[in-house]
């Protein structure tokens, strides 16, 4: 009973991680690797996944943690996102 160690997280607002990557970067690599495995080009899929993750990681560095959600809102139509309470992203007029 004396050997029980309880790890206390240093910061409570850290984003979820898979190994040393943020979760969204890891899912990008894994998705490309899976698509490459299904199509028969596993090594090419992994390489493409790493390149896309590196480019996306550079694009989101220094930005809001929910940068991917902002991209989805601005570049996908409302029928895909399913957002009902927000105005469509093509309406870019300030009221007031």
PDB file of N, CA and C in Angstrom:
ATOM      1  N   UNK A   1       0.818  -1.190   0.000  1.00  0.00           N
ATOM      2  CA  UNK A   1       0.000   0.000   0.000  1.00  0.00           C
ATOM      3  C   UNK A   1       0.860   1.253   0.000  1.00  0.00           C
ATOM      4  N   UNK A   2       2.075   1.177   0.460  1.00  0.00           N
ATOM      5  CA  UNK A   2       2.935   2.356   0.518  1.00  0.00           C
ATOM      6  C   UNK A   2       3.493   2.723  -0.853  1.00  0.00           C
ATOM      7  N   UNK A   3       3.395   1.814  -1.837  1.00  0.00           N
ATOM      8  CA  UNK A   3       3.949   2.065  -3.172  1.00  0.00           C
ATOM      9  C   UNK A   3       2.947   2.689  -4.123  1.00  0.00           C
ATOM     10  N   UNK A   4       1.807   3.120  -3.648  1.00  0.00           N
ATOM     11  CA  UNK A   4       0.779   3.719  -4.506  1.00  0.00           C
ATOM     12  C   UNK A   4       1.210   5.149  -4.855  1.00  0.00           C
ATOM     13  N   UNK A   5       1.279   5.421  -6.138  1.00  0.00           N
ATOM     14  CA  UNK A   5       1.617   6.783  -6.573  1.00  0.00           C
ATOM     15  C   UNK A   5       0.442   7.354  -7.352  1.00  0.00           C
ATOM     16  N   UNK A   6       0.015   8.496  -6.956  1.00  0.00           N
ATOM     17  CA  UNK A   6      -1.075   9.171  -7.640  1.00  0.00           C
ATOM     18  C   UNK A   6      -0.496  10.324  -8.450  1.00  0.00           C
ATOM     19  N   UNK A   7      -0.649  10.259  -9.775  1.00  0.00           N
ATOM     20  CA  UNK A   7      -0.132  11.326 -10.613  1.00  0.00           C
ATOM     21  C   UNK A   7      -1.158  12.438 -10.717  1.00  0.00           C
ATOM     22  N   UNK A   8      -0.734  13.626 -10.428  1.00  0.00           N
ATOM     23  CA  UNK A   8      -1.597  14.791 -10.517  1.00  0.00           C
ATOM     24  C   UNK A   8      -1.209  15.557 -11.771  1.00  0.00           C
ATOM     25  N   UNK A   9      -2.178  15.821 -12.650  1.00  0.00           N
ATOM     26  CA  UNK A   9      -1.824  16.552 -13.874  1.00  0.00           C
ATOM     27  C   UNK A   9      -1.358  17.964 -13.547  1.00  0.00           C
ATOM     28  N   UNK A  10      -0.396  18.439 -14.306  1.00  0.00           N
ATOM     29  CA  UNK A  10       0.133  19.780 -14.071  1.00  0.00           C
ATOM     30  C   UNK A  10      -0.850  20.848 -14.517  1.00  0.00           C
ATOM     31  N   UNK A  11      -1.426  20.660 -15.679  1.00  0.00           N
ATOM     32  CA  UNK A  11      -2.367  21.637 -16.222  1.00  0.00           C
ATOM     33  C   UNK A  11      -3.656  20.917 -16.579  1.00  0.00           C
ATOM     34  N   UNK A  12      -4.778  21.500 -16.209  1.00  0.00           N
ATOM     35  CA  UNK A  12      -6.056  20.845 -16.443  1.00  0.00           C
ATOM     36  C   UNK A  12      -6.610  21.100 -17.835  1.00  0.00           C
ATOM     37  N   UNK A  13      -6.157  22.144 -18.507  1.00  0.00           N
ATOM     38  CA  UNK A  13      -6.717  22.501 -19.809  1.00  0.00           C
ATOM     39  C   UNK A  13      -5.860  22.036 -20.973  1.00  0.00           C
ATOM     40  N   UNK A  14      -5.014  21.051 -20.783  1.00  0.00           N
ATOM     41  CA  UNK A  14      -4.209  20.537 -21.883  1.00  0.00           C
ATOM     42  C   UNK A  14      -5.093  19.811 -22.882  1.00  0.00           C
ATOM     43  N   UNK A  15      -4.801  19.949 -24.178  1.00  0.00           N
ATOM     44  CA  UNK A  15      -5.579  19.214 -25.174  1.00  0.00           C
ATOM     45  C   UNK A  15      -5.254  17.724 -25.110  1.00  0.00           C
ATOM     46  N   UNK A  16      -6.171  16.879 -25.550  1.00  0.00           N
ATOM     47  CA  UNK A  16      -5.884  15.440 -25.539  1.00  0.00           C
ATOM     48  C   UNK A  16      -4.730  15.118 -26.480  1.00  0.00           C
ATOM     49  N   UNK A  17      -3.909  14.155 -26.089  1.00  0.00           N
ATOM     50  CA  UNK A  17      -2.726  13.804 -26.869  1.00  0.00           C
ATOM     51  C   UNK A  17      -2.675  12.308 -27.108  1.00  0.00           C
ATOM     52  N   UNK A  18      -2.051  11.942 -28.221  1.00  0.00           N
ATOM     53  CA  UNK A  18      -1.733  10.558 -28.511  1.00  0.00           C
ATOM     54  C   UNK A  18      -0.223  10.509 -28.684  1.00  0.00           C
ATOM     55  N   UNK A  19       0.444   9.896 -27.753  1.00  0.00           N
ATOM     56  CA  UNK A  19       1.909   9.916 -27.645  1.00  0.00           C
ATOM     57  C   UNK A  19       2.372  11.358 -27.501  1.00  0.00           C
ATOM     58  N   UNK A  20       3.111  11.911 -28.430  1.00  0.00           N
ATOM     59  CA  UNK A  20       3.589  13.294 -28.306  1.00  0.00           C
ATOM     60  C   UNK A  20       2.861  14.242 -29.245  1.00  0.00           C
ATOM     61  N   UNK A  21       1.878  13.748 -30.014  1.00  0.00           N
ATOM     62  CA  UNK A  21       1.107  14.581 -30.937  1.00  0.00           C
ATOM     63  C   UNK A  21      -0.215  14.991 -30.301  1.00  0.00           C
ATOM     64  N   UNK A  22      -0.751  16.114 -30.771  1.00  0.00           N
ATOM     65  CA  UNK A  22      -2.127  16.449 -30.428  1.00  0.00           C
ATOM     66  C   UNK A  22      -3.035  15.439 -31.103  1.00  0.00           C
ATOM     67  N   UNK A  23      -4.226  15.283 -30.580  1.00  0.00           N
ATOM     68  CA  UNK A  23      -5.118  14.248 -31.082  1.00  0.00           C
ATOM     69  C   UNK A  23      -5.530  14.488 -32.533  1.00  0.00           C
ATOM     70  N   UNK A  24      -5.746  15.746 -32.928  1.00  0.00           N
ATOM     71  CA  UNK A  24      -6.168  15.996 -34.302  1.00  0.00           C
ATOM     72  C   UNK A  24      -5.056  15.676 -35.299  1.00  0.00           C
ATOM     73  N   UNK A  25      -3.808  15.909 -34.937  1.00  0.00           N
ATOM     74  CA  UNK A  25      -2.698  15.550 -35.820  1.00  0.00           C
ATOM     75  C   UNK A  25      -2.543  14.035 -35.926  1.00  0.00           C
ATOM     76  N   UNK A  26      -2.685  13.343 -34.807  1.00  0.00           N
ATOM     77  CA  UNK A  26      -2.568  11.889 -34.823  1.00  0.00           C
ATOM     78  C   UNK A  26      -3.692  11.255 -35.635  1.00  0.00           C
ATOM     79  N   UNK A  27      -4.904  11.790 -35.523  1.00  0.00           N
ATOM     80  CA  UNK A  27      -6.018  11.246 -36.308  1.00  0.00           C
ATOM     81  C   UNK A  27      -5.816  11.491 -37.798  1.00  0.00           C
ATOM     82  N   UNK A  28      -5.193  12.590 -38.157  1.00  0.00           N
ATOM     83  CA  UNK A  28      -4.895  12.862 -39.561  1.00  0.00           C
ATOM     84  C   UNK A  28      -3.909  11.834 -40.109  1.00  0.00           C
ATOM     85  N   UNK A  29      -2.866  11.541 -39.354  1.00  0.00           N
ATOM     86  CA  UNK A  29      -1.878  10.542 -39.787  1.00  0.00           C
ATOM     87  C   UNK A  29      -2.518   9.155 -39.862  1.00  0.00           C
ATOM     88  N   UNK A  30      -3.287   8.798 -38.848  1.00  0.00           N
ATOM     89  CA  UNK A  30      -3.913   7.475 -38.832  1.00  0.00           C
ATOM     90  C   UNK A  30      -4.940   7.300 -39.937  1.00  0.00           C
ATOM     91  N   UNK A  31      -5.673   8.361 -40.262  1.00  0.00           N
ATOM     92  CA  UNK A  31      -6.652   8.283 -41.347  1.00  0.00           C
ATOM     93  C   UNK A  31      -5.965   8.075 -42.687  1.00  0.00           C
ATOM     94  N   UNK A  32      -4.894   8.807 -42.927  1.00  0.00           N
ATOM     95  CA  UNK A  32      -4.159   8.634 -44.184  1.00  0.00           C
ATOM     96  C   UNK A  32      -3.508   7.256 -44.249  1.00  0.00           C
ATOM     97  N   UNK A  33      -2.995   6.762 -43.135  1.00  0.00           N
ATOM     98  CA  UNK A  33      -2.395   5.431 -43.113  1.00  0.00           C
ATOM     99  C   UNK A  33      -3.445   4.363 -43.375  1.00  0.00           C
ATOM    100  N   UNK A  34      -4.634   4.521 -42.812  1.00  0.00           N
ATOM    101  CA  UNK A  34      -5.712   3.564 -43.048  1.00  0.00           C
ATOM    102  C   UNK A  34      -6.167   3.593 -44.500  1.00  0.00           C
ATOM    103  N   UNK A  35      -6.298   4.801 -45.067  1.00  0.00           N
ATOM    104  CA  UNK A  35      -6.681   4.902 -46.478  1.00  0.00           C
ATOM    105  C   UNK A  35      -5.609   4.285 -47.369  1.00  0.00           C
ATOM    106  N   UNK A  36      -4.342   4.483 -47.018  1.00  0.00           N
ATOM    107  CA  UNK A  36      -3.267   3.862 -47.781  1.00  0.00           C
ATOM    108  C   UNK A  36      -3.264   2.353 -47.648  1.00  0.00           C
ATOM    109  N   UNK A  37      -3.586   1.855 -46.467  1.00  0.00           N
ATOM    110  CA  UNK A  37      -3.631   0.414 -46.264  1.00  0.00           C
ATOM    111  C   UNK A  37      -4.774  -0.215 -47.061  1.00  0.00           C
ATOM    112  N   UNK A  38      -5.917   0.449 -47.091  1.00  0.00           N
ATOM    113  CA  UNK A  38      -7.059  -0.081 -47.838  1.00  0.00           C
ATOM    114  C   UNK A  38      -6.783  -0.076 -49.337  1.00  0.00           C
ATOM    115  N   UNK A  39      -6.118   0.992 -49.819  1.00  0.00           N
ATOM    116  CA  UNK A  39      -5.854   1.090 -51.254  1.00  0.00           C
ATOM    117  C   UNK A  39      -4.612   0.326 -51.691  1.00  0.00           C
ATOM    118  N   UNK A  40      -3.827  -0.189 -50.749  1.00  0.00           N
ATOM    119  CA  UNK A  40      -2.658  -0.970 -51.097  1.00  0.00           C
ATOM    120  C   UNK A  40      -1.370  -0.167 -51.142  1.00  0.00           C
ATOM    121  N   UNK A  41      -1.395   1.071 -50.682  1.00  0.00           N
ATOM    122  CA  UNK A  41      -0.222   1.931 -50.668  1.00  0.00           C
ATOM    123  C   UNK A  41       0.020   2.415 -49.237  1.00  0.00           C
ATOM    124  N   UNK A  42       0.347   1.500 -48.344  1.00  0.00           N
ATOM    125  CA  UNK A  42       0.454   1.833 -46.929  1.00  0.00           C
ATOM    126  C   UNK A  42       1.578   2.830 -46.650  1.00  0.00           C
ATOM    127  N   UNK A  43       2.746   2.597 -47.226  1.00  0.00           N
ATOM    128  CA  UNK A  43       3.886   3.470 -46.962  1.00  0.00           C
ATOM    129  C   UNK A  43       3.627   4.864 -47.526  1.00  0.00           C
ATOM    130  N   UNK A  44       3.031   4.919 -48.719  1.00  0.00           N
ATOM    131  CA  UNK A  44       2.700   6.215 -49.306  1.00  0.00           C
ATOM    132  C   UNK A  44       1.636   6.933 -48.488  1.00  0.00           C
ATOM    133  N   UNK A  45       0.673   6.191 -47.977  1.00  0.00           N
ATOM    134  CA  UNK A  45      -0.358   6.782 -47.121  1.00  0.00           C
ATOM    135  C   UNK A  45       0.210   7.327 -45.830  1.00  0.00           C
ATOM    136  N   UNK A  46       1.162   6.589 -45.232  1.00  0.00           N
ATOM    137  CA  UNK A  46       1.810   7.080 -44.005  1.00  0.00           C
ATOM    138  C   UNK A  46       2.614   8.343 -44.297  1.00  0.00           C
ATOM    139  N   UNK A  47       3.345   8.340 -45.412  1.00  0.00           N
ATOM    140  CA  UNK A  47       4.147   9.515 -45.767  1.00  0.00           C
ATOM    141  C   UNK A  47       3.245  10.725 -46.015  1.00  0.00           C
ATOM    142  N   UNK A  48       2.153  10.512 -46.734  1.00  0.00           N
ATOM    143  CA  UNK A  48       1.204  11.600 -46.983  1.00  0.00           C
ATOM    144  C   UNK A  48       0.592  12.089 -45.672  1.00  0.00           C
ATOM    145  N   UNK A  49       0.292  11.177 -44.768  1.00  0.00           N
ATOM    146  CA  UNK A  49      -0.256  11.556 -43.471  1.00  0.00           C
ATOM    147  C   UNK A  49       0.713  12.404 -42.670  1.00  0.00           C
ATOM    148  N   UNK A  50       1.987  12.029 -42.666  1.00  0.00           N
ATOM    149  CA  UNK A  50       2.981  12.817 -41.945  1.00  0.00           C
ATOM    150  C   UNK A  50       3.154  14.194 -42.570  1.00  0.00           C
ATOM    151  N   UNK A  51       3.138  14.269 -43.895  1.00  0.00           N
ATOM    152  CA  UNK A  51       3.274  15.568 -44.560  1.00  0.00           C
ATOM    153  C   UNK A  51       2.071  16.466 -44.277  1.00  0.00           C
ATOM    154  N   UNK A  52       0.866  15.894 -44.349  1.00  0.00           N
ATOM    155  CA  UNK A  52      -0.333  16.676 -44.058  1.00  0.00           C
ATOM    156  C   UNK A  52      -0.373  17.118 -42.594  1.00  0.00           C
ATOM    157  N   UNK A  53       0.044  16.227 -41.697  1.00  0.00           N
ATOM    158  CA  UNK A  53       0.062  16.584 -40.276  1.00  0.00           C
ATOM    159  C   UNK A  53       1.084  17.680 -40.000  1.00  0.00           C
ATOM    160  N   UNK A  54       2.225  17.625 -40.674  1.00  0.00           N
ATOM    161  CA  UNK A  54       3.232  18.669 -40.481  1.00  0.00           C
ATOM    162  C   UNK A  54       2.717  20.012 -40.997  1.00  0.00           C
ATOM    163  N   UNK A  55       2.070  20.000 -42.165  1.00  0.00           N
ATOM    164  CA  UNK A  55       1.528  21.245 -42.720  1.00  0.00           C
ATOM    165  C   UNK A  55       0.412  21.791 -41.841  1.00  0.00           C
ATOM    166  N   UNK A  56      -0.473  20.923 -41.376  1.00  0.00           N
ATOM    167  CA  UNK A  56      -1.568  21.364 -40.510  1.00  0.00           C
ATOM    168  C   UNK A  56      -1.042  21.843 -39.162  1.00  0.00           C
ATOM    169  N   UNK A  57      -0.021  21.184 -38.636  1.00  0.00           N
ATOM    170  CA  UNK A  57       0.577  21.602 -37.374  1.00  0.00           C
ATOM    171  C   UNK A  57       1.201  22.985 -37.467  1.00  0.00           C
ATOM    172  N   UNK A  58       1.843  23.268 -38.604  1.00  0.00           N
ATOM    173  CA  UNK A  58       2.393  24.608 -38.802  1.00  0.00           C
ATOM    174  C   UNK A  58       1.287  25.641 -38.964  1.00  0.00           C
ATOM    175  N   UNK A  59       0.197  25.260 -39.624  1.00  0.00           N
ATOM    176  CA  UNK A  59      -0.908  26.205 -39.830  1.00  0.00           C
ATOM    177  C   UNK A  59      -1.608  26.540 -38.522  1.00  0.00           C
ATOM    178  N   UNK A  60      -1.705  25.581 -37.612  1.00  0.00           N
ATOM    179  CA  UNK A  60      -2.446  25.833 -36.376  1.00  0.00           C
ATOM    180  C   UNK A  60      -1.570  26.290 -35.221  1.00  0.00           C
ATOM    181  N   UNK A  61      -0.275  26.394 -35.416  1.00  0.00           N
ATOM    182  CA  UNK A  61       0.594  26.806 -34.322  1.00  0.00           C
ATOM    183  C   UNK A  61       0.337  28.265 -33.962  1.00  0.00           C
ATOM    184  N   UNK A  62       0.139  28.515 -32.693  1.00  0.00           N
ATOM    185  CA  UNK A  62      -0.122  29.860 -32.198  1.00  0.00           C
ATOM    186  C   UNK A  62      -1.556  30.303 -32.351  1.00  0.00           C
ATOM    187  N   UNK A  63      -2.433  29.417 -32.752  1.00  0.00           N
ATOM    188  CA  UNK A  63      -3.838  29.770 -32.923  1.00  0.00           C
ATOM    189  C   UNK A  63      -4.674  29.126 -31.830  1.00  0.00           C
ATOM    190  N   UNK A  64      -5.962  29.348 -31.886  1.00  0.00           N
ATOM    191  CA  UNK A  64      -6.911  28.829 -30.905  1.00  0.00           C
ATOM    192  C   UNK A  64      -6.878  27.301 -30.885  1.00  0.00           C
ATOM    193  N   UNK A  65      -7.082  26.663 -29.724  1.00  0.00           N
ATOM    194  CA  UNK A  65      -7.066  25.198 -29.673  1.00  0.00           C
ATOM    195  C   UNK A  65      -8.135  24.539 -30.547  1.00  0.00           C
ATOM    196  N   UNK A  66      -9.232  25.221 -30.803  1.00  0.00           N
ATOM    197  CA  UNK A  66     -10.291  24.664 -31.647  1.00  0.00           C
ATOM    198  C   UNK A  66     -10.178  25.181 -33.074  1.00  0.00           C
ATOM    199  N   UNK A  67      -8.957  25.306 -33.565  1.00  0.00           N
ATOM    200  CA  UNK A  67      -8.710  25.828 -34.907  1.00  0.00           C
ATOM    201  C   UNK A  67      -9.393  24.967 -35.975  1.00  0.00           C
ATOM    202  N   UNK A  68      -9.406  23.659 -35.794  1.00  0.00           N
ATOM    203  CA  UNK A  68     -10.036  22.765 -36.768  1.00  0.00           C
ATOM    204  C   UNK A  68     -11.544  23.015 -36.848  1.00  0.00           C
ATOM    205  N   UNK A  69     -12.175  23.275 -35.717  1.00  0.00           N
ATOM    206  CA  UNK A  69     -13.614  23.555 -35.740  1.00  0.00           C
ATOM    207  C   UNK A  69     -13.907  24.866 -36.459  1.00  0.00           C
ATOM    208  N   UNK A  70     -13.027  25.839 -36.302  1.00  0.00           N
ATOM    209  CA  UNK A  70     -13.198  27.096 -37.021  1.00  0.00           C
ATOM    210  C   UNK A  70     -13.071  26.874 -38.529  1.00  0.00           C
ATOM    211  N   UNK A  71     -12.112  26.062 -38.947  1.00  0.00           N
ATOM    212  CA  UNK A  71     -11.961  25.759 -40.372  1.00  0.00           C
ATOM    213  C   UNK A  71     -13.187  25.039 -40.920  1.00  0.00           C
ATOM    214  N   UNK A  72     -13.711  24.099 -40.146  1.00  0.00           N
ATOM    215  CA  UNK A  72     -14.900  23.368 -40.592  1.00  0.00           C
ATOM    216  C   UNK A  72     -16.080  24.315 -40.744  1.00  0.00           C
ATOM    217  N   UNK A  73     -16.241  25.245 -39.804  1.00  0.00           N
ATOM    218  CA  UNK A  73     -17.351  26.184 -39.885  1.00  0.00           C
ATOM    219  C   UNK A  73     -17.238  27.081 -41.110  1.00  0.00           C
ATOM    220  N   UNK A  74     -16.049  27.589 -41.395  1.00  0.00           N
ATOM    221  CA  UNK A  74     -15.897  28.563 -42.466  1.00  0.00           C
ATOM    222  C   UNK A  74     -15.867  27.944 -43.853  1.00  0.00           C
ATOM    223  N   UNK A  75     -15.414  26.702 -43.995  1.00  0.00           N
ATOM    224  CA  UNK A  75     -15.199  26.161 -45.330  1.00  0.00           C
ATOM    225  C   UNK A  75     -16.141  25.036 -45.723  1.00  0.00           C
ATOM    226  N   UNK A  76     -16.937  24.512 -44.816  1.00  0.00           N
ATOM    227  CA  UNK A  76     -17.913  23.483 -45.184  1.00  0.00           C
ATOM    228  C   UNK A  76     -19.318  24.066 -45.108  1.00  0.00           C
ATOM    229  N   UNK A  77     -20.223  23.590 -45.958  1.00  0.00           N
ATOM    230  CA  UNK A  77     -21.593  24.123 -45.901  1.00  0.00           C
ATOM    231  C   UNK A  77     -22.316  23.707 -44.625  1.00  0.00           C
ATOM    232  N   UNK A  78     -23.373  24.447 -44.306  1.00  0.00           N
ATOM    233  CA  UNK A  78     -24.122  24.191 -43.068  1.00  0.00           C
ATOM    234  C   UNK A  78     -24.811  22.834 -43.093  1.00  0.00           C
ATOM    235  N   UNK A  79     -25.122  22.315 -44.277  1.00  0.00           N
ATOM    236  CA  UNK A  79     -25.759  21.001 -44.339  1.00  0.00           C
ATOM    237  C   UNK A  79     -24.796  19.898 -43.894  1.00  0.00           C
ATOM    238  N   UNK A  80     -23.502  20.110 -44.060  1.00  0.00           N
ATOM    239  CA  UNK A  80     -22.515  19.126 -43.624  1.00  0.00           C
ATOM    240  C   UNK A  80     -22.244  19.261 -42.132  1.00  0.00           C
ATOM    241  N   UNK A  81     -22.105  20.491 -41.648  1.00  0.00           N
ATOM    242  CA  UNK A  81     -21.778  20.696 -40.245  1.00  0.00           C
ATOM    243  C   UNK A  81     -22.965  20.460 -39.323  1.00  0.00           C
ATOM    244  N   UNK A  82     -24.171  20.700 -39.794  1.00  0.00           N
ATOM    245  CA  UNK A  82     -25.351  20.497 -38.971  1.00  0.00           C
ATOM    246  C   UNK A  82     -25.583  21.584 -37.947  1.00  0.00           C
ATOM    247  N   UNK A  83     -24.956  22.744 -38.136  1.00  0.00           N
ATOM    248  CA  UNK A  83     -25.141  23.842 -37.203  1.00  0.00           C
ATOM    249  C   UNK A  83     -26.467  24.533 -37.482  1.00  0.00           C
ATOM    250  N   UNK A  84     -27.298  24.649 -36.472  1.00  0.00           N
ATOM    251  CA  UNK A  84     -28.614  25.236 -36.667  1.00  0.00           C
ATOM    252  C   UNK A  84     -28.731  26.623 -36.045  1.00  0.00           C
ATOM    253  N   UNK A  85     -28.023  26.896 -34.950  1.00  0.00           N
ATOM    254  CA  UNK A  85     -28.168  28.167 -34.243  1.00  0.00           C
ATOM    255  C   UNK A  85     -27.210  29.241 -34.726  1.00  0.00           C
ATOM    256  N   UNK A  86     -26.257  28.900 -35.534  1.00  0.00           N
ATOM    257  CA  UNK A  86     -25.309  29.892 -36.026  1.00  0.00           C
ATOM    258  C   UNK A  86     -25.698  30.307 -37.441  1.00  0.00           C
ATOM    259  N   UNK A  87     -25.416  31.540 -37.810  1.00  0.00           N
ATOM    260  CA  UNK A  87     -25.722  31.954 -39.179  1.00  0.00           C
ATOM    261  C   UNK A  87     -24.773  31.272 -40.157  1.00  0.00           C
ATOM    262  N   UNK A  88     -25.172  31.166 -41.404  1.00  0.00           N
ATOM    263  CA  UNK A  88     -24.273  30.582 -42.394  1.00  0.00           C
ATOM    264  C   UNK A  88     -22.986  31.396 -42.506  1.00  0.00           C
ATOM    265  N   UNK A  89     -21.912  30.743 -42.849  1.00  0.00           N
ATOM    266  CA  UNK A  89     -20.611  31.425 -42.858  1.00  0.00           C
ATOM    267  C   UNK A  89     -20.482  32.417 -44.009  1.00  0.00           C
ATOM    268  N   UNK A  90     -21.337  32.318 -45.037  1.00  0.00           N
ATOM    269  CA  UNK A  90     -21.235  33.263 -46.147  1.00  0.00           C
ATOM    270  C   UNK A  90     -21.875  34.603 -45.814  1.00  0.00           C
ATOM    271  N   UNK A  91     -22.634  34.702 -44.724  1.00  0.00           N
ATOM    272  CA  UNK A  91     -23.193  35.978 -44.280  1.00  0.00           C
ATOM    273  C   UNK A  91     -22.172  36.668 -43.392  1.00  0.00           C
ATOM    274  N   UNK A  92     -21.422  37.591 -43.965  1.00  0.00           N
ATOM    275  CA  UNK A  92     -20.315  38.208 -43.236  1.00  0.00           C
ATOM    276  C   UNK A  92     -20.561  39.693 -43.040  1.00  0.00           C
ATOM    277  N   UNK A  93     -21.752  40.046 -42.564  1.00  0.00           N
ATOM    278  CA  UNK A  93     -22.087  41.429 -42.289  1.00  0.00           C
ATOM    279  C   UNK A  93     -22.146  41.643 -40.787  1.00  0.00           C
ATOM    280  N   UNK A  94     -21.610  42.750 -40.350  1.00  0.00           N
ATOM    281  CA  UNK A  94     -21.682  43.098 -38.937  1.00  0.00           C
ATOM    282  C   UNK A  94     -22.965  43.877 -38.675  1.00  0.00           C
ATOM    283  N   UNK A  95     -23.665  43.505 -37.653  1.00  0.00           N
ATOM    284  CA  UNK A  95     -24.888  44.207 -37.283  1.00  0.00           C
ATOM    285  C   UNK A  95     -24.560  45.090 -36.094  1.00  0.00           C
ATOM    286  N   UNK A  96     -24.909  46.365 -36.213  1.00  0.00           N
ATOM    287  CA  UNK A  96     -24.710  47.267 -35.086  1.00  0.00           C
ATOM    288  C   UNK A  96     -23.656  48.200 -35.345  1.00  0.00           C
TER     289      UNK A  96
END
